Amino acid sequence: MYLNRNLTHLNPNKRSASYHRQSPFSGSDREVRGKILRLLLAGDVSEPELIRALNIDSERGIRIIETLEREGFARRKGKMISIIHE
């Protein structure tokens, strides 16, 4: 079987109608979400500590934490944030 050398570098997913190139990862909300989840795996953390540890502005931190809560990844009890283990 011979491969067409001109096509081996193409990404077949680009032909999909729903294909969207992801935005750069560095500094993105996706990167911050990953860091939050990694910190929460070590144990519960207060919201101010979490935002301070990530060195991000509080509005952005709160927005990302609230998104993680809505999606069922994190839970808030008072000021403490924890990861949901189910």
N, C-alpha and C. Protein backbone atom coordinates (compact mmCIF):
# COMPACT_ATOMS: atom_id res chain seq x y z
N MET A 1 0.85 -1.18 0.00
CA MET A 1 0.00 0.00 0.00
C MET A 1 0.90 1.24 0.00
N TYR A 2 0.61 2.17 -0.84
CA TYR A 2 1.40 3.38 -0.96
C TYR A 2 0.60 4.56 -0.42
N LEU A 3 1.26 5.40 0.37
CA LEU A 3 0.61 6.60 0.87
C LEU A 3 0.89 7.76 -0.06
N ASN A 4 -0.10 8.55 -0.26
CA ASN A 4 0.11 9.76 -1.03
C ASN A 4 0.87 10.74 -0.14
N ARG A 5 2.11 10.97 -0.42
CA ARG A 5 2.95 11.80 0.44
C ARG A 5 2.43 13.23 0.55
N ASN A 6 1.65 13.67 -0.39
CA ASN A 6 1.12 15.03 -0.34
C ASN A 6 -0.02 15.17 0.66
N LEU A 7 -0.64 14.08 1.07
CA LEU A 7 -1.79 14.14 1.97
C LEU A 7 -1.47 13.72 3.39
N THR A 8 -0.30 13.18 3.66
CA THR A 8 -0.02 12.66 4.99
C THR A 8 0.08 13.74 6.05
N HIS A 9 0.33 14.99 5.68
CA HIS A 9 0.46 16.07 6.65
C HIS A 9 -0.88 16.75 6.95
N LEU A 10 -1.91 16.47 6.22
CA LEU A 10 -3.19 17.13 6.41
C LEU A 10 -3.94 16.56 7.61
N ASN A 11 -4.68 17.41 8.27
CA ASN A 11 -5.50 17.01 9.40
C ASN A 11 -6.90 16.71 8.87
N PRO A 12 -7.33 15.44 8.86
CA PRO A 12 -8.65 15.11 8.31
C PRO A 12 -9.79 15.75 9.09
N ASN A 13 -9.56 16.12 10.34
CA ASN A 13 -10.62 16.76 11.13
C ASN A 13 -11.00 18.12 10.57
N LYS A 14 -10.11 18.76 9.84
CA LYS A 14 -10.40 20.08 9.28
C LYS A 14 -11.54 20.03 8.27
N ARG A 15 -11.82 18.86 7.73
CA ARG A 15 -12.92 18.72 6.77
C ARG A 15 -14.27 18.71 7.46
N SER A 16 -14.29 18.49 8.75
CA SER A 16 -15.54 18.44 9.49
C SER A 16 -16.19 19.82 9.54
N ALA A 17 -17.50 19.84 9.43
CA ALA A 17 -18.22 21.11 9.49
C ALA A 17 -18.10 21.76 10.87
N SER A 18 -17.87 20.96 11.89
CA SER A 18 -17.79 21.49 13.25
C SER A 18 -16.35 21.73 13.72
N TYR A 19 -15.39 21.63 12.81
CA TYR A 19 -13.99 21.80 13.19
C TYR A 19 -13.70 23.26 13.51
N HIS A 20 -13.09 23.48 14.66
CA HIS A 20 -12.62 24.82 15.06
C HIS A 20 -11.24 24.67 15.66
N ARG A 21 -10.31 25.45 15.20
CA ARG A 21 -8.97 25.43 15.76
C ARG A 21 -9.02 26.02 17.16
N GLN A 22 -8.38 25.33 18.13
CA GLN A 22 -8.38 25.82 19.50
C GLN A 22 -7.48 27.05 19.60
N SER A 23 -7.85 27.91 20.53
CA SER A 23 -7.03 29.10 20.77
C SER A 23 -5.73 28.69 21.46
N PRO A 24 -4.72 29.54 21.44
CA PRO A 24 -3.46 29.20 22.12
C PRO A 24 -3.71 28.89 23.60
N PHE A 25 -2.97 27.93 24.13
CA PHE A 25 -3.21 27.45 25.49
C PHE A 25 -2.61 28.37 26.55
N SER A 26 -1.41 28.87 26.33
CA SER A 26 -0.71 29.65 27.34
C SER A 26 -1.50 30.90 27.71
N GLY A 27 -1.81 31.03 29.00
CA GLY A 27 -2.55 32.18 29.49
C GLY A 27 -4.05 32.10 29.30
N SER A 28 -4.55 31.02 28.73
CA SER A 28 -5.97 30.89 28.44
C SER A 28 -6.76 30.45 29.68
N ASP A 29 -8.08 30.58 29.58
CA ASP A 29 -8.94 30.08 30.65
C ASP A 29 -8.77 28.57 30.81
N ARG A 30 -8.52 27.87 29.69
CA ARG A 30 -8.30 26.41 29.78
C ARG A 30 -7.09 26.11 30.65
N GLU A 31 -6.04 26.89 30.50
CA GLU A 31 -4.85 26.66 31.31
C GLU A 31 -5.16 26.93 32.78
N VAL A 32 -5.87 28.00 33.08
CA VAL A 32 -6.22 28.34 34.46
C VAL A 32 -7.11 27.26 35.06
N ARG A 33 -8.08 26.77 34.29
CA ARG A 33 -8.96 25.69 34.78
C ARG A 33 -8.14 24.47 35.18
N GLY A 34 -7.19 24.09 34.34
CA GLY A 34 -6.33 22.95 34.64
C GLY A 34 -5.54 23.17 35.92
N LYS A 35 -5.02 24.38 36.11
CA LYS A 35 -4.26 24.69 37.33
C LYS A 35 -5.16 24.64 38.55
N ILE A 36 -6.38 25.16 38.43
CA ILE A 36 -7.33 25.12 39.54
C ILE A 36 -7.62 23.67 39.93
N LEU A 37 -7.94 22.84 38.95
CA LEU A 37 -8.25 21.44 39.25
C LEU A 37 -7.06 20.73 39.87
N ARG A 38 -5.84 21.02 39.40
CA ARG A 38 -4.64 20.41 39.97
C ARG A 38 -4.48 20.81 41.44
N LEU A 39 -4.71 22.10 41.75
CA LEU A 39 -4.61 22.55 43.14
C LEU A 39 -5.68 21.91 44.01
N LEU A 40 -6.89 21.78 43.47
CA LEU A 40 -7.99 21.20 44.24
C LEU A 40 -7.80 19.70 44.48
N LEU A 41 -7.09 19.02 43.60
CA LEU A 41 -6.81 17.60 43.82
C LEU A 41 -5.98 17.38 45.08
N ALA A 42 -5.19 18.39 45.46
CA ALA A 42 -4.36 18.30 46.67
C ALA A 42 -5.19 18.55 47.93
N GLY A 43 -6.36 19.15 47.79
CA GLY A 43 -7.22 19.41 48.95
C GLY A 43 -8.02 20.68 48.76
N ASP A 44 -8.94 20.93 49.68
CA ASP A 44 -9.78 22.12 49.61
C ASP A 44 -8.93 23.38 49.75
N VAL A 45 -9.33 24.41 49.04
CA VAL A 45 -8.61 25.68 49.05
C VAL A 45 -9.63 26.80 49.11
N SER A 46 -9.33 27.85 49.88
CA SER A 46 -10.26 28.98 49.91
C SER A 46 -10.16 29.75 48.60
N GLU A 47 -11.25 30.40 48.26
CA GLU A 47 -11.28 31.16 47.01
C GLU A 47 -10.16 32.20 46.94
N PRO A 48 -9.96 33.01 48.00
CA PRO A 48 -8.87 34.00 47.93
C PRO A 48 -7.48 33.35 47.78
N GLU A 49 -7.25 32.23 48.46
CA GLU A 49 -5.96 31.53 48.33
C GLU A 49 -5.76 31.01 46.91
N LEU A 50 -6.81 30.48 46.34
CA LEU A 50 -6.76 29.93 44.99
C LEU A 50 -6.40 31.02 43.98
N ILE A 51 -7.07 32.14 44.08
CA ILE A 51 -6.83 33.26 43.16
C ILE A 51 -5.42 33.82 43.36
N ARG A 52 -4.98 33.90 44.61
CA ARG A 52 -3.63 34.39 44.90
C ARG A 52 -2.57 33.43 44.36
N ALA A 53 -2.79 32.12 44.52
CA ALA A 53 -1.84 31.12 44.05
C ALA A 53 -1.71 31.13 42.53
N LEU A 54 -2.80 31.48 41.84
CA LEU A 54 -2.79 31.49 40.38
C LEU A 54 -2.30 32.82 39.80
N ASN A 55 -2.22 33.84 40.67
CA ASN A 55 -1.76 35.16 40.26
C ASN A 55 -2.60 35.71 39.10
N ILE A 56 -3.93 35.65 39.27
CA ILE A 56 -4.85 36.19 38.27
C ILE A 56 -5.77 37.18 38.96
N ASP A 57 -6.44 38.03 38.19
CA ASP A 57 -7.35 38.99 38.82
C ASP A 57 -8.57 38.25 39.36
N SER A 58 -9.13 38.79 40.43
CA SER A 58 -10.19 38.06 41.14
C SER A 58 -11.45 37.86 40.30
N GLU A 59 -11.81 38.84 39.46
CA GLU A 59 -13.01 38.68 38.62
C GLU A 59 -12.87 37.47 37.70
N ARG A 60 -11.71 37.34 37.08
CA ARG A 60 -11.47 36.20 36.19
C ARG A 60 -11.48 34.90 36.98
N GLY A 61 -10.82 34.89 38.12
CA GLY A 61 -10.78 33.68 38.96
C GLY A 61 -12.15 33.24 39.40
N ILE A 62 -12.95 34.18 39.86
CA ILE A 62 -14.31 33.87 40.31
C ILE A 62 -15.14 33.33 39.16
N ARG A 63 -15.02 33.97 37.98
CA ARG A 63 -15.77 33.51 36.80
C ARG A 63 -15.41 32.08 36.43
N ILE A 64 -14.12 31.75 36.45
CA ILE A 64 -13.69 30.40 36.08
C ILE A 64 -14.13 29.39 37.14
N ILE A 65 -14.03 29.76 38.40
CA ILE A 65 -14.49 28.86 39.48
C ILE A 65 -15.98 28.60 39.36
N GLU A 66 -16.76 29.65 39.10
CA GLU A 66 -18.22 29.48 38.93
C GLU A 66 -18.54 28.57 37.75
N THR A 67 -17.76 28.68 36.68
CA THR A 67 -17.96 27.80 35.52
C THR A 67 -17.68 26.35 35.91
N LEU A 68 -16.61 26.12 36.66
CA LEU A 68 -16.28 24.76 37.11
C LEU A 68 -17.39 24.20 38.00
N GLU A 69 -17.99 25.08 38.81
CA GLU A 69 -19.12 24.64 39.65
C GLU A 69 -20.33 24.26 38.79
N ARG A 70 -20.69 25.11 37.84
CA ARG A 70 -21.84 24.82 36.96
C ARG A 70 -21.65 23.53 36.19
N GLU A 71 -20.40 23.25 35.79
CA GLU A 71 -20.11 22.05 35.02
C GLU A 71 -19.96 20.80 35.89
N GLY A 72 -20.02 20.97 37.21
CA GLY A 72 -19.98 19.83 38.12
C GLY A 72 -18.58 19.34 38.48
N PHE A 73 -17.56 20.17 38.25
CA PHE A 73 -16.20 19.77 38.60
C PHE A 73 -15.81 20.22 40.01
N ALA A 74 -16.38 21.32 40.47
CA ALA A 74 -16.00 21.89 41.77
C ALA A 74 -17.25 22.22 42.57
N ARG A 75 -17.03 22.37 43.87
CA ARG A 75 -18.13 22.69 44.78
C ARG A 75 -17.63 23.73 45.77
N ARG A 76 -18.50 24.65 46.13
CA ARG A 76 -18.15 25.71 47.08
C ARG A 76 -18.93 25.49 48.38
N LYS A 77 -18.20 25.55 49.50
CA LYS A 77 -18.83 25.54 50.82
C LYS A 77 -18.28 26.75 51.56
N GLY A 78 -19.10 27.80 51.60
CA GLY A 78 -18.61 29.07 52.16
C GLY A 78 -17.55 29.62 51.24
N LYS A 79 -16.36 29.88 51.78
CA LYS A 79 -15.25 30.38 50.97
C LYS A 79 -14.36 29.25 50.46
N MET A 80 -14.61 28.02 50.89
CA MET A 80 -13.76 26.89 50.50
C MET A 80 -14.28 26.27 49.19
N ILE A 81 -13.32 25.94 48.33
CA ILE A 81 -13.62 25.28 47.05
C ILE A 81 -13.04 23.88 47.10
N SER A 82 -13.80 22.91 46.65
CA SER A 82 -13.29 21.54 46.61
C SER A 82 -13.65 20.90 45.27
N ILE A 83 -12.91 19.87 44.93
CA ILE A 83 -13.18 19.14 43.70
C ILE A 83 -14.25 18.10 44.02
N ILE A 84 -15.10 17.78 43.08
CA ILE A 84 -16.15 16.80 43.29
C ILE A 84 -15.60 15.43 42.88
N HIS A 85 -15.54 14.51 43.84
CA HIS A 85 -15.06 13.15 43.58
C HIS A 85 -16.27 12.22 43.52
N GLU A 86 -16.64 11.79 42.36
CA GLU A 86 -17.77 10.86 42.25
C GLU A 86 -17.46 9.76 41.30
